[in-house]
């Protein structure tokens, strides 16, 4: 008890000799850090995930082995996100509906190395349904609509390319000539006769769009040939709307080698041999 009294008297003495303080101020001033113990700051070093920059093709995911080396393995279809609705469904060439493209490619990967897996491709977007046979006269009409559509796609990209990331400068120069041509057939519903007449009259407007689309598809790898997989981004959305899509592209493969060369592609769209130019793909 005596010790506590002495301690309190000492504090009181300090308070009496200290300058006037505002109400609520602690009279015992302790310098910050006076009683702090030395604290060792340890930073957690997080090892970079080897899979961050390791890219796998569709249907595969990256995993690391025991030596922390990244490798691509087939994705389990059950790990794919649940489809939000029927609009995410896709139809395979096995006439089976898959919940999403993720489920399809994961399933295809599991069949890798088998004959069934080699033949399995994504056929079109949407659940499998009956696709009417493409008649000969309908097949001849298909490129008329496709050419006009390709031209209009490029014109639309040109109009919207404010940030210069939809078309390159060289592409924009080509499309600008089409866009500013007063003879250009405006986008809309047109009769087949009008489309045929416009192609004959304004043939030069269609040369670049046909080459451009080939270049957009020829990506994996860029080798001057279109595989079934490279055609998929164009085929898949078209088939439910254009039932001649499959037969048209099969016909384009004139030598039946499962690949469509630029010459075969351009010829399919009615481009003359002397106007087929690899330098137009940029």
C-alpha atoms as a PDB file:
ATOM      1  CA  UNK A   1       0.000   0.000   0.000  1.00  0.00           C
ATOM      2  CA  UNK A   2       2.848   2.395   0.898  1.00  0.00           C
ATOM      3  CA  UNK A   3       4.451   1.833  -2.490  1.00  0.00           C
ATOM      4  CA  UNK A   4       1.222   2.772  -4.304  1.00  0.00           C
ATOM      5  CA  UNK A   5       0.901   5.979  -2.206  1.00  0.00           C
ATOM      6  CA  UNK A   6       4.453   7.030  -3.091  1.00  0.00           C
ATOM      7  CA  UNK A   7       3.745   6.310  -6.773  1.00  0.00           C
ATOM      8  CA  UNK A   8       0.590   8.427  -6.738  1.00  0.00           C
ATOM      9  CA  UNK A   9       2.376  11.289  -4.961  1.00  0.00           C
ATOM     10  CA  UNK A  10       5.081  11.239  -7.605  1.00  0.00           C
ATOM     11  CA  UNK A  11       2.459  11.452 -10.325  1.00  0.00           C
ATOM     12  CA  UNK A  12       0.743  14.304  -8.512  1.00  0.00           C
ATOM     13  CA  UNK A  13       4.041  16.151  -8.225  1.00  0.00           C
ATOM     14  CA  UNK A  14       4.620  15.840 -11.952  1.00  0.00           C
ATOM     15  CA  UNK A  15       1.131  17.090 -12.608  1.00  0.00           C
ATOM     16  CA  UNK A  16       1.594  20.152 -10.376  1.00  0.00           C
ATOM     17  CA  UNK A  17       4.851  21.158 -12.008  1.00  0.00           C
ATOM     18  CA  UNK A  18       3.623  20.509 -15.539  1.00  0.00           C
ATOM     19  CA  UNK A  19       2.262  23.354 -17.662  1.00  0.00           C
ATOM     20  CA  UNK A  20      -1.481  23.879 -17.878  1.00  0.00           C
ATOM     21  CA  UNK A  21      -3.140  21.130 -19.875  1.00  0.00           C
ATOM     22  CA  UNK A  22      -6.479  20.952 -21.526  1.00  0.00           C
ATOM     23  CA  UNK A  23      -9.201  19.007 -19.788  1.00  0.00           C
ATOM     24  CA  UNK A  24      -8.910  15.352 -20.694  1.00  0.00           C
ATOM     25  CA  UNK A  25      -5.206  15.449 -21.525  1.00  0.00           C
ATOM     26  CA  UNK A  26      -3.156  12.676 -19.983  1.00  0.00           C
ATOM     27  CA  UNK A  27      -0.655  14.331 -17.583  1.00  0.00           C
ATOM     28  CA  UNK A  28       1.743  11.420 -17.920  1.00  0.00           C
ATOM     29  CA  UNK A  29       3.362  11.869 -21.303  1.00  0.00           C
ATOM     30  CA  UNK A  30       5.042   8.785 -22.696  1.00  0.00           C
ATOM     31  CA  UNK A  31       7.012   9.076 -25.902  1.00  0.00           C
ATOM     32  CA  UNK A  32       5.644   6.943 -28.614  1.00  0.00           C
ATOM     33  CA  UNK A  33       7.565   3.741 -28.936  1.00  0.00           C
ATOM     34  CA  UNK A  34       9.161   4.000 -25.512  1.00  0.00           C
ATOM     35  CA  UNK A  35       7.772   0.647 -24.417  1.00  0.00           C
ATOM     36  CA  UNK A  36       7.366  -0.912 -27.858  1.00  0.00           C
ATOM     37  CA  UNK A  37       9.183  -4.147 -28.379  1.00  0.00           C
ATOM     38  CA  UNK A  38      11.116  -4.646 -31.584  1.00  0.00           C
ATOM     39  CA  UNK A  39       8.699  -6.293 -34.012  1.00  0.00           C
ATOM     40  CA  UNK A  40      10.101  -8.343 -36.842  1.00  0.00           C
ATOM     41  CA  UNK A  41       8.035  -7.788 -39.958  1.00  0.00           C
ATOM     42  CA  UNK A  42       7.811 -10.939 -41.987  1.00  0.00           C
ATOM     43  CA  UNK A  43       6.463 -10.573 -45.520  1.00  0.00           C
ATOM     44  CA  UNK A  44       4.693 -13.557 -46.948  1.00  0.00           C
ATOM     45  CA  UNK A  45       6.379 -14.499 -50.185  1.00  0.00           C
ATOM     46  CA  UNK A  46       3.772 -15.976 -52.465  1.00  0.00           C
ATOM     47  CA  UNK A  47       5.250 -18.106 -55.190  1.00  0.00           C
ATOM     48  CA  UNK A  48       3.962 -17.208 -58.624  1.00  0.00           C
ATOM     49  CA  UNK A  49       1.546 -19.763 -59.995  1.00  0.00           C
ATOM     50  CA  UNK A  50       3.270 -21.451 -62.967  1.00  0.00           C
ATOM     51  CA  UNK A  51      -0.140 -21.773 -64.632  1.00  0.00           C
ATOM     52  CA  UNK A  52      -0.702 -18.011 -64.825  1.00  0.00           C
ATOM     53  CA  UNK A  53       1.073 -17.677 -68.166  1.00  0.00           C
ATOM     54  CA  UNK A  54       0.552 -21.225 -69.369  1.00  0.00           C
ATOM     55  CA  UNK A  55      -2.296 -21.347 -71.869  1.00  0.00           C
ATOM     56  CA  UNK A  56      -4.249 -24.483 -72.716  1.00  0.00           C
ATOM     57  CA  UNK A  57      -6.588 -25.090 -75.626  1.00  0.00           C
ATOM     58  CA  UNK A  58     -10.327 -25.413 -75.146  1.00  0.00           C
ATOM     59  CA  UNK A  59     -11.298 -28.456 -73.121  1.00  0.00           C
ATOM     60  CA  UNK A  60      -8.095 -28.459 -71.095  1.00  0.00           C
ATOM     61  CA  UNK A  61      -6.995 -26.751 -67.887  1.00  0.00           C
ATOM     62  CA  UNK A  62      -3.572 -26.125 -66.414  1.00  0.00           C
ATOM     63  CA  UNK A  63      -2.260 -28.114 -63.470  1.00  0.00           C
ATOM     64  CA  UNK A  64       1.218 -28.420 -61.959  1.00  0.00           C
ATOM     65  CA  UNK A  65       3.011 -31.705 -61.455  1.00  0.00           C
ATOM     66  CA  UNK A  66       5.185 -32.732 -58.499  1.00  0.00           C
ATOM     67  CA  UNK A  67       8.075 -30.643 -59.820  1.00  0.00           C
ATOM     68  CA  UNK A  68       5.815 -27.551 -60.062  1.00  0.00           C
ATOM     69  CA  UNK A  69       5.854 -27.713 -63.853  1.00  0.00           C
ATOM     70  CA  UNK A  70       2.640 -26.577 -65.586  1.00  0.00           C
ATOM     71  CA  UNK A  71       0.864 -29.007 -67.867  1.00  0.00           C
ATOM     72  CA  UNK A  72      -2.477 -29.126 -69.664  1.00  0.00           C
ATOM     73  CA  UNK A  73      -4.944 -31.843 -68.717  1.00  0.00           C
ATOM     74  CA  UNK A  74      -8.500 -32.547 -69.806  1.00  0.00           C
ATOM     75  CA  UNK A  75     -11.081 -30.572 -67.878  1.00  0.00           C
ATOM     76  CA  UNK A  76     -13.732 -32.491 -65.981  1.00  0.00           C
ATOM     77  CA  UNK A  77     -17.095 -31.514 -67.564  1.00  0.00           C
ATOM     78  CA  UNK A  78     -18.610 -31.349 -64.067  1.00  0.00           C
ATOM     79  CA  UNK A  79     -16.363 -28.356 -63.287  1.00  0.00           C
ATOM     80  CA  UNK A  80     -17.852 -26.296 -66.135  1.00  0.00           C
ATOM     81  CA  UNK A  81     -20.161 -23.448 -65.078  1.00  0.00           C
ATOM     82  CA  UNK A  82     -23.833 -24.345 -65.079  1.00  0.00           C
ATOM     83  CA  UNK A  83     -25.462 -23.088 -68.266  1.00  0.00           C
ATOM     84  CA  UNK A  84     -27.755 -20.103 -67.794  1.00  0.00           C
ATOM     85  CA  UNK A  85     -30.258 -21.376 -70.319  1.00  0.00           C
ATOM     86  CA  UNK A  86     -30.911 -23.100 -73.604  1.00  0.00           C
ATOM     87  CA  UNK A  87     -29.170 -20.302 -75.507  1.00  0.00           C
ATOM     88  CA  UNK A  88     -25.835 -21.607 -74.166  1.00  0.00           C
ATOM     89  CA  UNK A  89     -26.418 -25.137 -75.437  1.00  0.00           C
ATOM     90  CA  UNK A  90     -24.402 -26.390 -78.404  1.00  0.00           C
ATOM     91  CA  UNK A  91     -24.861 -29.282 -80.785  1.00  0.00           C
ATOM     92  CA  UNK A  92     -22.016 -31.636 -81.639  1.00  0.00           C
ATOM     93  CA  UNK A  93     -21.518 -33.498 -84.892  1.00  0.00           C
ATOM     94  CA  UNK A  94     -22.567 -36.582 -82.916  1.00  0.00           C
ATOM     95  CA  UNK A  95     -26.061 -35.006 -82.848  1.00  0.00           C
ATOM     96  CA  UNK A  96     -25.837 -34.669 -79.071  1.00  0.00           C
ATOM     97  CA  UNK A  97     -26.777 -31.494 -77.203  1.00  0.00           C
ATOM     98  CA  UNK A  98     -24.208 -30.259 -74.676  1.00  0.00           C
ATOM     99  CA  UNK A  99     -25.017 -27.810 -71.872  1.00  0.00           C
ATOM    100  CA  UNK A 100     -22.363 -25.358 -73.081  1.00  0.00           C
ATOM    101  CA  UNK A 101     -19.268 -25.132 -75.255  1.00  0.00           C
ATOM    102  CA  UNK A 102     -17.234 -25.791 -72.089  1.00  0.00           C
ATOM    103  CA  UNK A 103     -19.022 -29.110 -71.571  1.00  0.00           C
ATOM    104  CA  UNK A 104     -18.554 -29.985 -75.238  1.00  0.00           C
ATOM    105  CA  UNK A 105     -14.808 -29.334 -75.416  1.00  0.00           C
ATOM    106  CA  UNK A 106     -14.189 -31.056 -72.082  1.00  0.00           C
ATOM    107  CA  UNK A 107     -16.053 -34.124 -73.361  1.00  0.00           C
ATOM    108  CA  UNK A 108     -14.148 -34.033 -76.658  1.00  0.00           C
ATOM    109  CA  UNK A 109     -10.846 -33.840 -74.786  1.00  0.00           C
ATOM    110  CA  UNK A 110     -11.701 -37.018 -72.868  1.00  0.00           C
ATOM    111  CA  UNK A 111     -11.974 -38.775 -76.253  1.00  0.00           C
ATOM    112  CA  UNK A 112      -8.588 -37.499 -77.431  1.00  0.00           C
ATOM    113  CA  UNK A 113      -6.670 -40.120 -79.374  1.00  0.00           C
ATOM    114  CA  UNK A 114      -9.780 -42.078 -80.333  1.00  0.00           C
ATOM    115  CA  UNK A 115     -11.519 -42.281 -83.704  1.00  0.00           C
ATOM    116  CA  UNK A 116     -14.704 -40.912 -82.163  1.00  0.00           C
ATOM    117  CA  UNK A 117     -12.858 -37.960 -80.672  1.00  0.00           C
ATOM    118  CA  UNK A 118     -11.146 -37.181 -83.990  1.00  0.00           C
ATOM    119  CA  UNK A 119     -14.499 -37.007 -85.770  1.00  0.00           C
ATOM    120  CA  UNK A 120     -16.302 -35.049 -83.060  1.00  0.00           C
ATOM    121  CA  UNK A 121     -16.656 -31.315 -83.722  1.00  0.00           C
ATOM    122  CA  UNK A 122     -18.887 -28.504 -82.542  1.00  0.00           C
ATOM    123  CA  UNK A 123     -21.574 -28.354 -85.221  1.00  0.00           C
ATOM    124  CA  UNK A 124     -23.635 -25.312 -84.294  1.00  0.00           C
ATOM    125  CA  UNK A 125     -24.854 -23.039 -81.507  1.00  0.00           C
ATOM    126  CA  UNK A 126     -28.085 -24.113 -79.833  1.00  0.00           C
ATOM    127  CA  UNK A 127     -29.638 -27.470 -78.989  1.00  0.00           C
ATOM    128  CA  UNK A 128     -29.618 -30.133 -81.682  1.00  0.00           C
ATOM    129  CA  UNK A 129     -32.606 -29.961 -83.989  1.00  0.00           C
ATOM    130  CA  UNK A 130     -33.729 -31.105 -87.384  1.00  0.00           C
ATOM    131  CA  UNK A 131     -31.845 -29.304 -90.163  1.00  0.00           C
ATOM    132  CA  UNK A 132     -33.600 -29.526 -93.510  1.00  0.00           C
ATOM    133  CA  UNK A 133     -31.547 -30.849 -96.449  1.00  0.00           C
ATOM    134  CA  UNK A 134     -29.980 -28.182 -98.649  1.00  0.00           C
ATOM    135  CA  UNK A 135     -31.322 -28.386-102.196  1.00  0.00           C
ATOM    136  CA  UNK A 136     -29.170 -27.552-105.218  1.00  0.00           C
ATOM    137  CA  UNK A 137     -31.004 -24.327-106.027  1.00  0.00           C
ATOM    138  CA  UNK A 138     -30.737 -23.220-102.381  1.00  0.00           C
ATOM    139  CA  UNK A 139     -27.011 -23.941-102.392  1.00  0.00           C
ATOM    140  CA  UNK A 140     -26.483 -21.558-105.316  1.00  0.00           C
ATOM    141  CA  UNK A 141     -28.308 -18.810-103.400  1.00  0.00           C
ATOM    142  CA  UNK A 142     -26.235 -19.106-100.229  1.00  0.00           C
ATOM    143  CA  UNK A 143     -23.092 -17.220-101.409  1.00  0.00           C
ATOM    144  CA  UNK A 144     -25.268 -14.315-102.600  1.00  0.00           C
ATOM    145  CA  UNK A 145     -26.422 -13.635 -99.046  1.00  0.00           C
ATOM    146  CA  UNK A 146     -23.026 -14.418 -97.511  1.00  0.00           C
ATOM    147  CA  UNK A 147     -21.133 -11.966 -99.736  1.00  0.00           C
ATOM    148  CA  UNK A 148     -23.581  -9.182 -98.960  1.00  0.00           C
ATOM    149  CA  UNK A 149     -23.419 -10.000 -95.249  1.00  0.00           C
ATOM    150  CA  UNK A 150     -19.592  -9.927 -95.195  1.00  0.00           C
ATOM    151  CA  UNK A 151     -19.570  -6.544 -96.922  1.00  0.00           C
ATOM    152  CA  UNK A 152     -22.094  -5.131 -94.447  1.00  0.00           C
ATOM    153  CA  UNK A 153     -20.156  -6.499 -91.458  1.00  0.00           C
ATOM    154  CA  UNK A 154     -17.047  -4.635 -92.583  1.00  0.00           C
ATOM    155  CA  UNK A 155     -18.980  -1.417 -93.177  1.00  0.00           C
ATOM    156  CA  UNK A 156     -20.503  -1.668 -89.689  1.00  0.00           C
ATOM    157  CA  UNK A 157     -17.071  -2.214 -88.123  1.00  0.00           C
ATOM    158  CA  UNK A 158     -15.765   0.811 -90.006  1.00  0.00           C
ATOM    159  CA  UNK A 159     -18.610   2.986 -88.702  1.00  0.00           C
ATOM    160  CA  UNK A 160     -18.054   1.890 -85.106  1.00  0.00           C
ATOM    161  CA  UNK A 161     -14.260   1.883 -85.096  1.00  0.00           C
ATOM    162  CA  UNK A 162     -13.777   4.991 -82.954  1.00  0.00           C
ATOM    163  CA  UNK A 163     -10.987   3.526 -80.812  1.00  0.00           C
ATOM    164  CA  UNK A 164      -9.062   2.019 -83.743  1.00  0.00           C
ATOM    165  CA  UNK A 165      -9.253  -1.510 -82.350  1.00  0.00           C
ATOM    166  CA  UNK A 166     -11.764  -3.135 -84.698  1.00  0.00           C
ATOM    167  CA  UNK A 167      -9.878  -2.671 -87.956  1.00  0.00           C
ATOM    168  CA  UNK A 168      -6.255  -1.940 -88.770  1.00  0.00           C
ATOM    169  CA  UNK A 169      -5.369   1.232 -90.638  1.00  0.00           C
ATOM    170  CA  UNK A 170      -4.780  -0.710 -93.864  1.00  0.00           C
ATOM    171  CA  UNK A 171      -8.135  -2.444 -93.504  1.00  0.00           C
ATOM    172  CA  UNK A 172      -9.892   0.853 -92.848  1.00  0.00           C
ATOM    173  CA  UNK A 173      -8.472   2.323 -96.050  1.00  0.00           C
ATOM    174  CA  UNK A 174      -9.915  -0.595 -98.004  1.00  0.00           C
ATOM    175  CA  UNK A 175     -13.320  -0.417 -96.332  1.00  0.00           C
ATOM    176  CA  UNK A 176     -13.449   3.364 -96.652  1.00  0.00           C
ATOM    177  CA  UNK A 177     -13.610   3.012-100.442  1.00  0.00           C
ATOM    178  CA  UNK A 178     -16.595   0.684-100.091  1.00  0.00           C
ATOM    179  CA  UNK A 179     -18.255   2.868 -97.465  1.00  0.00           C
ATOM    180  CA  UNK A 180     -17.998   6.053 -99.527  1.00  0.00           C
ATOM    181  CA  UNK A 181     -19.070   4.458-102.796  1.00  0.00           C
ATOM    182  CA  UNK A 182     -22.473   5.873-103.718  1.00  0.00           C
ATOM    183  CA  UNK A 183     -23.291   2.719-105.662  1.00  0.00           C
ATOM    184  CA  UNK A 184     -23.030   0.538-102.551  1.00  0.00           C
ATOM    185  CA  UNK A 185     -26.135  -1.526-101.869  1.00  0.00           C
ATOM    186  CA  UNK A 186     -27.317  -0.547 -98.404  1.00  0.00           C
ATOM    187  CA  UNK A 187     -27.882  -3.214 -95.754  1.00  0.00           C
ATOM    188  CA  UNK A 188     -31.369  -4.666 -95.669  1.00  0.00           C
ATOM    189  CA  UNK A 189     -33.615  -7.407 -96.978  1.00  0.00           C
ATOM    190  CA  UNK A 190     -32.979  -7.774-100.700  1.00  0.00           C
ATOM    191  CA  UNK A 191     -34.235 -10.173-103.327  1.00  0.00           C
ATOM    192  CA  UNK A 192     -31.832 -12.753-104.694  1.00  0.00           C
ATOM    193  CA  UNK A 193     -32.094 -11.141-108.126  1.00  0.00           C
ATOM    194  CA  UNK A 194     -30.980  -7.793-106.717  1.00  0.00           C
ATOM    195  CA  UNK A 195     -28.076  -9.387-104.827  1.00  0.00           C
ATOM    196  CA  UNK A 196     -26.938 -11.187-107.980  1.00  0.00           C
ATOM    197  CA  UNK A 197     -27.224  -7.987-110.029  1.00  0.00           C
ATOM    198  CA  UNK A 198     -25.270  -5.975-107.450  1.00  0.00           C
ATOM    199  CA  UNK A 199     -22.469  -8.550-107.366  1.00  0.00           C
ATOM    200  CA  UNK A 200     -22.150  -8.365-111.127  1.00  0.00           C
ATOM    201  CA  UNK A 201     -22.353  -4.568-111.239  1.00  0.00           C
ATOM    202  CA  UNK A 202     -20.217  -3.781-108.153  1.00  0.00           C
ATOM    203  CA  UNK A 203     -17.991  -6.863-108.157  1.00  0.00           C
ATOM    204  CA  UNK A 204     -14.904  -5.014-106.855  1.00  0.00           C
ATOM    205  CA  UNK A 205     -16.684  -4.158-103.595  1.00  0.00           C
ATOM    206  CA  UNK A 206     -16.827  -7.829-102.655  1.00  0.00           C
ATOM    207  CA  UNK A 207     -13.209  -8.837-103.266  1.00  0.00           C
ATOM    208  CA  UNK A 208     -11.754  -7.491-100.019  1.00  0.00           C
ATOM    209  CA  UNK A 209     -14.592  -8.637 -97.675  1.00  0.00           C
ATOM    210  CA  UNK A 210     -14.150 -12.232 -98.877  1.00  0.00           C
ATOM    211  CA  UNK A 211     -10.375 -12.078 -98.285  1.00  0.00           C
ATOM    212  CA  UNK A 212     -10.859 -10.343 -94.926  1.00  0.00           C
ATOM    213  CA  UNK A 213     -13.143 -13.078 -93.587  1.00  0.00           C
ATOM    214  CA  UNK A 214     -10.647 -15.759 -94.581  1.00  0.00           C
ATOM    215  CA  UNK A 215      -7.928 -13.918 -92.661  1.00  0.00           C
ATOM    216  CA  UNK A 216     -10.158 -13.603 -89.598  1.00  0.00           C
ATOM    217  CA  UNK A 217     -10.684 -17.359 -89.514  1.00  0.00           C
ATOM    218  CA  UNK A 218      -7.160 -18.487 -90.420  1.00  0.00           C
ATOM    219  CA  UNK A 219      -5.651 -18.099 -86.946  1.00  0.00           C
ATOM    220  CA  UNK A 220      -4.740 -21.475 -85.418  1.00  0.00           C
ATOM    221  CA  UNK A 221      -2.277 -21.645 -87.073  1.00  0.00           C
ATOM    222  CA  UNK A 222      -1.958 -18.912 -89.689  1.00  0.00           C
ATOM    223  CA  UNK A 223      -1.085 -21.165 -92.614  1.00  0.00           C
ATOM    224  CA  UNK A 224      -3.350 -20.247 -95.519  1.00  0.00           C
ATOM    225  CA  UNK A 225      -5.790 -23.076 -94.824  1.00  0.00           C
ATOM    226  CA  UNK A 226      -9.028 -23.297 -92.855  1.00  0.00           C
ATOM    227  CA  UNK A 227      -9.640 -26.389 -90.759  1.00  0.00           C
ATOM    228  CA  UNK A 228     -13.019 -27.502 -89.444  1.00  0.00           C
ATOM    229  CA  UNK A 229     -12.088 -25.994 -86.075  1.00  0.00           C
ATOM    230  CA  UNK A 230     -11.143 -22.638 -87.602  1.00  0.00           C
ATOM    231  CA  UNK A 231     -14.432 -22.533 -89.510  1.00  0.00           C
ATOM    232  CA  UNK A 232     -16.441 -23.150 -86.334  1.00  0.00           C
ATOM    233  CA  UNK A 233     -16.776 -19.469 -85.243  1.00  0.00           C
ATOM    234  CA  UNK A 234     -18.495 -18.737 -88.563  1.00  0.00           C
ATOM    235  CA  UNK A 235     -20.333 -22.022 -89.090  1.00  0.00           C
ATOM    236  CA  UNK A 236     -21.730 -22.544 -85.603  1.00  0.00           C
ATOM    237  CA  UNK A 237     -23.948 -19.431 -85.409  1.00  0.00           C
ATOM    238  CA  UNK A 238     -24.991 -19.715 -89.073  1.00  0.00           C
ATOM    239  CA  UNK A 239     -26.264 -23.284 -89.331  1.00  0.00           C
ATOM    240  CA  UNK A 240     -29.519 -22.788 -87.363  1.00  0.00           C
ATOM    241  CA  UNK A 241     -30.372 -19.846 -89.654  1.00  0.00           C
ATOM    242  CA  UNK A 242     -28.824 -21.023 -92.928  1.00  0.00           C
ATOM    243  CA  UNK A 243     -29.371 -24.734 -93.458  1.00  0.00           C
ATOM    244  CA  UNK A 244     -27.029 -24.781 -96.479  1.00  0.00           C
ATOM    245  CA  UNK A 245     -24.000 -23.739 -94.409  1.00  0.00           C
ATOM    246  CA  UNK A 246     -22.549 -27.225 -93.947  1.00  0.00           C
ATOM    247  CA  UNK A 247     -23.011 -28.288 -97.552  1.00  0.00           C
ATOM    248  CA  UNK A 248     -21.582 -24.983 -98.812  1.00  0.00           C
ATOM    249  CA  UNK A 249     -18.325 -25.343 -96.882  1.00  0.00           C
ATOM    250  CA  UNK A 250     -18.058 -29.000 -97.842  1.00  0.00           C
ATOM    251  CA  UNK A 251     -18.338 -27.934-101.477  1.00  0.00           C
ATOM    252  CA  UNK A 252     -15.646 -25.286-100.947  1.00  0.00           C
ATOM    253  CA  UNK A 253     -13.177 -28.058-100.091  1.00  0.00           C
ATOM    254  CA  UNK A 254     -12.762 -28.925-103.772  1.00  0.00           C
ATOM    255  CA  UNK A 255      -9.945 -31.440-103.250  1.00  0.00           C
ATOM    256  CA  UNK A 256     -11.675 -33.031-100.221  1.00  0.00           C
ATOM    257  CA  UNK A 257      -8.559 -32.823 -98.037  1.00  0.00           C
ATOM    258  CA  UNK A 258     -10.510 -31.504 -95.007  1.00  0.00           C
ATOM    259  CA  UNK A 259      -8.942 -28.050 -95.417  1.00  0.00           C
ATOM    260  CA  UNK A 260     -10.099 -25.013 -97.382  1.00  0.00           C
ATOM    261  CA  UNK A 261      -7.293 -23.066 -99.061  1.00  0.00           C
ATOM    262  CA  UNK A 262      -7.642 -19.371 -99.896  1.00  0.00           C
ATOM    263  CA  UNK A 263      -8.095 -20.205-103.582  1.00  0.00           C
ATOM    264  CA  UNK A 264     -10.912 -22.642-102.764  1.00  0.00           C
ATOM    265  CA  UNK A 265     -12.548 -20.171-100.381  1.00  0.00           C
ATOM    266  CA  UNK A 266     -12.489 -17.240-102.804  1.00  0.00           C
ATOM    267  CA  UNK A 267     -13.702 -19.365-105.717  1.00  0.00           C
ATOM    268  CA  UNK A 268     -16.644 -20.516-103.590  1.00  0.00           C
ATOM    269  CA  UNK A 269     -17.698 -16.888-103.226  1.00  0.00           C
ATOM    270  CA  UNK A 270     -17.385 -16.176-106.933  1.00  0.00           C
ATOM    271  CA  UNK A 271     -14.090 -14.265-106.821  1.00  0.00           C
ATOM    272  CA  UNK A 272     -12.196 -14.559-110.103  1.00  0.00           C
ATOM    273  CA  UNK A 273      -8.861 -16.350-110.110  1.00  0.00           C
ATOM    274  CA  UNK A 274      -6.918 -13.238-111.142  1.00  0.00           C
ATOM    275  CA  UNK A 275      -8.362 -11.342-108.149  1.00  0.00           C
ATOM    276  CA  UNK A 276      -7.367 -13.874-105.489  1.00  0.00           C
ATOM    277  CA  UNK A 277      -4.467 -12.255-103.667  1.00  0.00           C
ATOM    278  CA  UNK A 278      -2.775 -13.370-100.432  1.00  0.00           C
ATOM    279  CA  UNK A 279      -1.564  -9.800 -99.946  1.00  0.00           C
ATOM    280  CA  UNK A 280      -5.163  -8.740 -99.303  1.00  0.00           C
ATOM    281  CA  UNK A 281      -5.087 -10.665 -96.028  1.00  0.00           C
ATOM    282  CA  UNK A 282      -3.695  -8.321 -93.396  1.00  0.00           C
END
